[in-house]
Protein backbone atom coordinates (compact mmCIF):
# COMPACT_ATOMS: atom_id res chain seq x y z
CA MET A 1 -31.35 8.49 -25.39
CA ILE A 2 -33.78 7.75 -22.59
CA GLY A 3 -36.53 9.84 -21.03
CA THR A 4 -39.00 12.17 -22.71
CA PHE A 5 -37.40 15.55 -21.98
CA VAL A 6 -34.27 17.40 -23.04
CA ILE A 7 -32.79 20.78 -22.26
CA ARG A 8 -32.36 23.13 -25.22
CA ASN A 9 -30.56 26.40 -24.51
CA GLY A 10 -31.61 26.23 -20.88
CA THR A 11 -35.28 25.38 -21.48
CA LEU A 12 -36.90 22.05 -20.64
CA GLU A 13 -38.61 20.73 -23.79
CA PRO A 14 -40.14 17.48 -25.05
CA ALA A 15 -37.49 15.38 -26.76
CA SER A 16 -39.68 15.13 -29.86
CA VAL A 17 -39.27 18.83 -30.71
CA ALA A 18 -35.69 19.52 -29.60
CA MET A 19 -33.88 18.23 -32.68
CA VAL A 20 -30.84 19.23 -34.73
CA PRO A 21 -31.41 19.32 -38.52
CA ALA A 22 -29.41 16.77 -40.50
CA ASP A 23 -27.96 19.55 -42.68
CA ASP A 24 -26.72 21.69 -39.77
CA PRO A 25 -23.03 22.25 -40.65
CA ASP A 26 -22.01 23.59 -37.24
CA ALA A 27 -23.37 20.52 -35.47
CA PHE A 28 -21.71 17.99 -37.73
CA HIS A 29 -18.33 19.62 -38.32
CA GLY A 30 -17.31 18.92 -34.74
CA TYR A 31 -17.01 22.56 -33.66
CA GLY A 32 -18.17 22.30 -30.11
CA CYS A 33 -17.62 20.70 -26.74
CA TYR A 34 -19.46 18.31 -24.48
CA GLU A 35 -19.77 16.84 -21.01
CA VAL A 36 -20.98 13.52 -19.59
CA LEU A 37 -22.32 13.46 -16.04
CA ARG A 38 -23.39 10.64 -13.79
CA ILE A 39 -26.62 10.05 -11.88
CA ARG A 40 -26.49 7.24 -9.33
CA ASN A 41 -29.21 6.56 -6.78
CA GLY A 42 -30.85 9.81 -7.82
CA THR A 43 -27.78 11.97 -7.14
CA LEU A 44 -26.31 14.11 -9.93
CA PHE A 45 -22.57 14.06 -9.26
CA PHE A 46 -20.37 17.15 -9.52
CA PRO A 47 -22.46 19.27 -11.93
CA GLU A 48 -20.57 22.35 -10.74
CA PHE A 49 -17.28 20.89 -11.99
CA HIS A 50 -18.80 19.93 -15.34
CA ASP A 51 -20.24 23.44 -15.64
CA GLU A 52 -16.80 24.90 -15.02
CA ARG A 53 -15.09 22.61 -17.52
CA LEU A 54 -17.68 23.17 -20.28
CA LEU A 55 -17.15 26.92 -20.05
CA ARG A 56 -13.38 26.44 -20.03
CA SER A 57 -13.57 24.20 -23.11
CA ALA A 58 -15.67 26.81 -24.92
CA THR A 59 -13.09 29.48 -24.09
CA ILE A 60 -10.21 27.34 -25.35
CA LEU A 61 -12.05 26.67 -28.62
CA GLY A 62 -13.16 30.29 -29.05
CA ILE A 63 -16.87 29.48 -28.92
CA GLN A 64 -19.26 32.35 -28.19
CA HIS A 65 -22.13 31.45 -25.89
CA ALA A 66 -24.71 32.96 -23.55
CA LEU A 67 -24.06 30.65 -20.60
CA ASN A 68 -23.19 32.09 -17.22
CA PRO A 69 -21.58 30.06 -14.44
CA GLY A 70 -24.31 28.05 -12.74
CA ASP A 71 -26.78 28.13 -15.66
CA LEU A 72 -25.93 24.58 -16.67
CA VAL A 73 -26.25 23.28 -13.12
CA GLN A 74 -29.75 24.74 -12.72
CA ALA A 75 -30.88 23.39 -16.09
CA LEU A 76 -29.57 19.91 -15.38
CA HIS A 77 -31.40 19.73 -12.07
CA ARG A 78 -34.62 20.64 -13.89
CA LEU A 79 -33.99 17.84 -16.37
CA VAL A 80 -33.21 15.31 -13.64
CA ASP A 81 -36.30 16.27 -11.64
CA ALA A 82 -38.55 16.01 -14.70
CA ALA A 83 -37.15 12.63 -15.74
CA GLY A 84 -37.29 10.96 -12.34
CA ILE A 85 -34.64 8.41 -13.38
CA ALA A 86 -32.32 7.28 -10.60
CA GLU A 87 -29.59 5.59 -12.68
CA CYS A 88 -28.36 7.12 -15.93
CA ASN A 89 -25.80 9.38 -17.56
CA VAL A 90 -26.39 12.94 -18.73
CA LYS A 91 -24.79 14.24 -21.91
CA VAL A 92 -24.37 17.94 -22.66
CA LEU A 93 -23.57 19.13 -26.20
CA LEU A 94 -22.59 22.71 -27.05
CA PHE A 95 -22.41 23.57 -30.75
CA GLY A 96 -20.38 26.62 -31.76
CA ARG A 97 -22.08 29.00 -34.21
CA GLU A 98 -20.66 31.57 -36.58
CA GLY A 99 -21.68 35.10 -35.68
CA LYS A 100 -24.09 34.13 -32.92
CA ALA A 101 -24.25 32.37 -29.58
CA ALA A 102 -23.82 28.62 -29.36
CA ASP A 103 -26.74 26.23 -29.07
CA TRP A 104 -26.59 23.65 -26.33
CA PHE A 105 -28.54 20.56 -25.38
CA ALA A 106 -28.67 18.14 -22.45
CA PHE A 107 -30.27 14.70 -22.49
CA LEU A 108 -30.19 11.38 -20.67
CA LEU A 109 -28.40 8.20 -21.71
CA PRO A 110 -28.36 4.67 -20.29
CA PRO A 111 -25.68 4.18 -17.63
CA LEU A 112 -22.39 2.66 -18.75
CA TYR A 113 -20.80 0.10 -16.45
CA PRO A 114 -17.43 -1.66 -16.68
CA PRO A 115 -17.34 -5.48 -16.80
CA ALA A 116 -18.76 -6.95 -13.62
CA ASP A 117 -15.41 -8.42 -12.56
CA SER A 118 -13.30 -5.42 -13.56
CA SER A 119 -12.57 -4.31 -10.01
CA THR A 120 -10.97 -7.68 -9.26
CA ALA A 121 -9.81 -9.03 -12.63
CA GLY A 122 -8.97 -5.68 -14.23
CA VAL A 123 -9.27 -4.78 -17.91
CA THR A 124 -7.02 -5.07 -20.96
CA CYS A 125 -6.10 -1.99 -23.00
CA THR A 126 -4.26 -1.39 -26.25
CA LEU A 127 -1.79 1.39 -27.03
CA PHE A 128 -2.56 3.86 -29.82
CA HIS A 129 -0.13 6.48 -31.11
CA GLY A 130 -2.12 9.68 -31.38
CA GLU A 131 -2.81 12.98 -29.62
CA ARG A 132 -6.03 14.91 -29.22
CA PRO A 133 -5.88 18.52 -30.45
CA PHE A 134 -6.50 21.02 -27.65
CA PRO A 135 -6.11 18.32 -24.97
CA ALA A 136 -7.43 20.59 -22.19
CA ALA A 137 -10.79 20.96 -23.99
CA LYS A 138 -13.47 18.27 -24.12
CA SER A 139 -14.02 18.86 -27.82
CA LEU A 140 -16.50 17.30 -30.24
CA GLY A 141 -13.52 16.69 -32.52
CA VAL A 142 -13.11 13.06 -31.44
CA LEU A 143 -11.58 11.48 -34.55
CA VAL A 144 -8.39 10.32 -32.81
CA SER A 145 -10.31 8.92 -29.86
CA THR A 146 -12.84 7.22 -32.14
CA LEU A 147 -10.15 5.51 -34.23
CA ALA A 148 -8.30 4.43 -31.10
CA PHE A 149 -11.42 3.10 -29.38
CA ARG A 150 -12.52 1.17 -32.46
CA GLN A 151 -9.09 -0.41 -32.65
CA ALA A 152 -9.39 -1.36 -28.99
CA LYS A 153 -12.79 -2.97 -29.54
CA ALA A 154 -11.50 -4.87 -32.58
CA LYS A 155 -8.80 -6.33 -30.33
CA ALA A 156 -11.31 -7.16 -27.56
CA CYS A 157 -9.78 -4.49 -25.33
CA TRP A 158 -11.73 -2.28 -22.95
CA ASP A 159 -10.05 0.98 -23.97
CA ALA A 160 -7.09 2.39 -25.87
CA LEU A 161 -4.41 4.46 -24.14
CA LEU A 162 -3.08 7.31 -26.26
CA VAL A 163 0.68 7.64 -26.78
CA ASN A 164 2.13 11.05 -27.66
CA ARG A 165 5.10 11.99 -29.87
CA ARG A 166 7.42 11.65 -26.87
CA ASP A 167 6.35 8.00 -26.54
CA GLU A 168 4.49 8.73 -23.30
CA LEU A 169 1.06 7.50 -22.25
CA THR A 170 -1.27 10.45 -21.73
CA GLU A 171 -4.88 9.26 -21.31
CA GLY A 172 -7.47 6.78 -22.52
CA THR A 173 -10.02 7.56 -25.19
CA ARG A 174 -12.60 8.10 -22.45
CA THR A 175 -10.54 7.64 -19.31
CA ASN A 176 -7.74 9.22 -17.30
CA LEU A 177 -4.68 7.27 -16.28
CA PHE A 178 -3.19 6.72 -12.83
CA TYR A 179 -0.36 4.40 -11.87
CA VAL A 180 1.74 3.25 -8.94
CA ASP A 181 5.16 1.66 -8.63
CA ALA A 182 4.49 -1.97 -7.74
CA THR A 183 7.93 -2.15 -6.11
CA GLU A 184 7.38 0.86 -3.84
CA SER A 185 7.32 -1.29 -0.74
CA SER A 186 11.11 -1.44 -1.10
CA GLY A 187 11.37 2.34 -0.90
CA SER A 188 12.10 3.29 -4.51
CA ILE A 189 12.86 6.80 -5.80
CA LEU A 190 11.15 7.93 -9.01
CA PRO A 191 12.24 10.96 -11.09
CA LEU A 192 9.65 13.70 -11.49
CA GLY A 193 11.52 15.89 -13.98
CA ALA A 194 11.20 19.57 -13.09
CA ALA A 195 9.20 18.62 -10.02
CA GLY A 196 12.21 16.91 -8.45
CA LEU A 197 12.10 13.45 -6.90
CA ALA A 198 9.28 11.49 -5.35
CA ARG A 199 10.73 9.64 -2.40
CA THR A 200 8.86 6.77 -0.88
CA LYS A 201 9.31 4.81 2.31
CA PRO A 202 8.58 1.12 2.85
CA GLY A 203 4.84 0.65 3.06
CA VAL A 204 4.14 4.15 1.69
CA PHE A 205 3.03 4.59 -1.91
CA THR A 206 2.53 7.50 -4.28
CA VAL A 207 -0.22 7.53 -6.90
CA PHE A 208 0.97 9.12 -10.14
CA THR A 209 -0.95 10.56 -13.07
CA PRO A 210 0.31 12.08 -16.36
CA PRO A 211 0.61 15.88 -16.36
CA ALA A 212 -2.64 17.78 -16.85
CA ALA A 213 -1.02 19.70 -19.72
CA ASP A 214 -0.97 16.48 -21.76
CA ALA A 215 -4.49 15.20 -21.05
CA LEU A 216 -8.04 16.24 -20.41
CA GLU A 217 -8.57 16.95 -16.73
CA GLY A 218 -11.35 14.46 -16.16
CA ILE A 219 -13.82 15.13 -13.38
CA THR A 220 -13.12 11.74 -11.83
CA ARG A 221 -9.39 12.49 -12.10
CA ARG A 222 -9.97 15.74 -10.26
CA THR A 223 -12.19 14.26 -7.57
CA LEU A 224 -9.97 11.21 -7.09
CA LEU A 225 -7.03 13.51 -6.42
CA GLU A 226 -9.19 15.30 -3.85
CA ALA A 227 -10.14 11.96 -2.30
CA LEU A 228 -6.51 10.85 -2.10
CA ALA A 229 -5.53 14.12 -0.43
CA THR A 230 -8.31 13.70 2.13
CA ALA A 231 -7.20 10.12 2.81
CA GLY A 232 -3.57 11.19 3.20
CA ILE A 233 -2.40 9.22 0.15
CA PRO A 234 0.40 11.04 -1.74
CA ALA A 235 -0.25 11.86 -5.40
CA ALA A 236 1.85 13.59 -8.05
CA GLU A 237 1.97 14.30 -11.76
CA ARG A 238 4.62 12.34 -13.64
CA SER A 239 4.96 11.26 -17.27
CA LEU A 240 4.93 7.51 -18.01
CA SER A 241 6.84 6.21 -21.03
CA VAL A 242 5.71 3.19 -23.03
CA GLN A 243 8.81 1.30 -21.96
CA GLU A 244 8.02 1.97 -18.31
CA ALA A 245 4.39 1.01 -18.78
CA ILE A 246 5.22 -2.41 -20.22
CA SER A 247 8.23 -3.06 -17.98
CA GLY A 248 6.25 -4.80 -15.27
CA GLN A 249 7.26 -2.25 -12.65
CA PHE A 250 4.05 -0.25 -12.68
CA SER A 251 0.41 -0.99 -11.96
CA LEU A 252 -2.13 1.07 -13.89
CA LEU A 253 -5.58 2.40 -12.99
CA LEU A 254 -8.16 4.09 -15.22
CA THR A 255 -10.85 6.55 -14.13
CA SER A 256 -13.95 7.98 -15.77
CA THR A 257 -17.31 9.43 -14.83
CA SER A 258 -19.18 6.36 -16.03
CA THR A 259 -16.95 3.64 -14.61
CA GLY A 260 -15.22 5.05 -11.55
CA VAL A 261 -11.82 3.45 -10.84
CA VAL A 262 -10.71 0.32 -12.72
CA PRO A 263 -7.34 -1.52 -12.66
CA VAL A 264 -5.55 -2.53 -15.88
CA ARG A 265 -4.36 -6.13 -16.02
CA ALA A 266 -2.59 -6.08 -19.41
CA LEU A 267 -1.46 -3.84 -22.28
CA LEU A 268 -1.27 -4.69 -25.97
CA ASP A 269 1.55 -2.85 -27.71
CA ALA A 270 1.65 -1.71 -31.35
CA ASP A 271 2.68 -5.22 -32.44
CA ASP A 272 -0.12 -6.81 -30.40
CA ASN A 273 2.29 -8.27 -27.87
CA CYS A 274 0.48 -8.70 -24.56
CA HIS A 275 2.27 -7.30 -21.52
CA LYS A 276 0.78 -8.43 -18.24
CA LEU A 277 0.89 -5.82 -15.52
CA PRO A 278 1.46 -6.52 -11.84
CA PRO A 279 -1.65 -6.49 -9.66
CA THR A 280 -2.29 -3.07 -8.21
CA PRO A 281 -1.27 -3.49 -4.56
CA VAL A 282 -3.05 -0.33 -3.48
CA PHE A 283 -6.18 -0.54 -5.62
CA GLN A 284 -8.51 -1.28 -2.72
CA ALA A 285 -7.16 1.66 -0.73
CA VAL A 286 -7.52 4.02 -3.70
CA ARG A 287 -11.00 2.75 -4.53
CA ALA A 288 -12.11 2.96 -0.89
CA ALA A 289 -10.89 6.56 -0.68
CA TYR A 290 -12.87 7.46 -3.78
CA LEU A 291 -16.07 5.71 -2.68
CA THR A 292 -15.84 7.50 0.67
CA HIS A 293 -15.50 10.79 -1.22
CA LEU A 294 -18.63 10.00 -3.24
CA ASP A 295 -20.56 9.04 -0.11
CA GLU A 296 -19.61 12.32 1.55
CA TYR A 297 -20.68 14.26 -1.55
CA THR A 298 -24.04 12.49 -1.52
CA SER A 299 -24.62 13.07 2.18
CA ASN A 300 -23.68 16.74 1.91
CA GLY A 301 -25.77 17.31 -1.22
């Protein structure tokens, strides 16, 4: 944690007094939800979306609370103003209580950046068979993600991509997944299941992402889709099997609040075989669309 202030149940307090007892069962049994926001150059990005998702997560998990829409946004701005820190992350924790309203806290953390060369060299990820319970909720129950991420670190990988029981990639432990067909310049046709077919023309590409029903709807996922729509770049939900992911046909991108948009250069499968992925031919266009979206948000804020 950084800074000298925290928010506790909507009130700005010194960090030294806003503590959770070590024997608090509700806090340490993982019954709760959380958010991580980004402050860059003094701008708090998309607090209204994080507010919305925190309340949605609490509803999914059946957590009683006293928060109204907009309460979190106001409290976070008070915290940011008091701290005066231009570059950091903000973490929000909401602990469910039995028979009473939840307690919630917000505090500042050092910023997390991807490797300096990640936007050009990409990152390596491992595959981990596991599914988060209640995937639409950003829950404090992070055992699957923790095991997967520790495995990734042990293999010198940047993140682990979760694989569900249908042998489909769903999301990273702290990232959302996007991908494009590296052969789209030839005008390929990709099946979209119930959604029909995604037809492409030479020189036109579609950015795909796994269905929202199978993954957490990350804020960067949401805002990147908005940015792509504004830029006129087609996007669609489509499942991606492990066999497709390692086939060499698809280029992968990862998104998160802390790291933005990062290409994946290789995947390690369950047997630690390394599958190099084709360079993402449209990465610069996707990244430029997203950075433009962030600039517009900053200028309009």
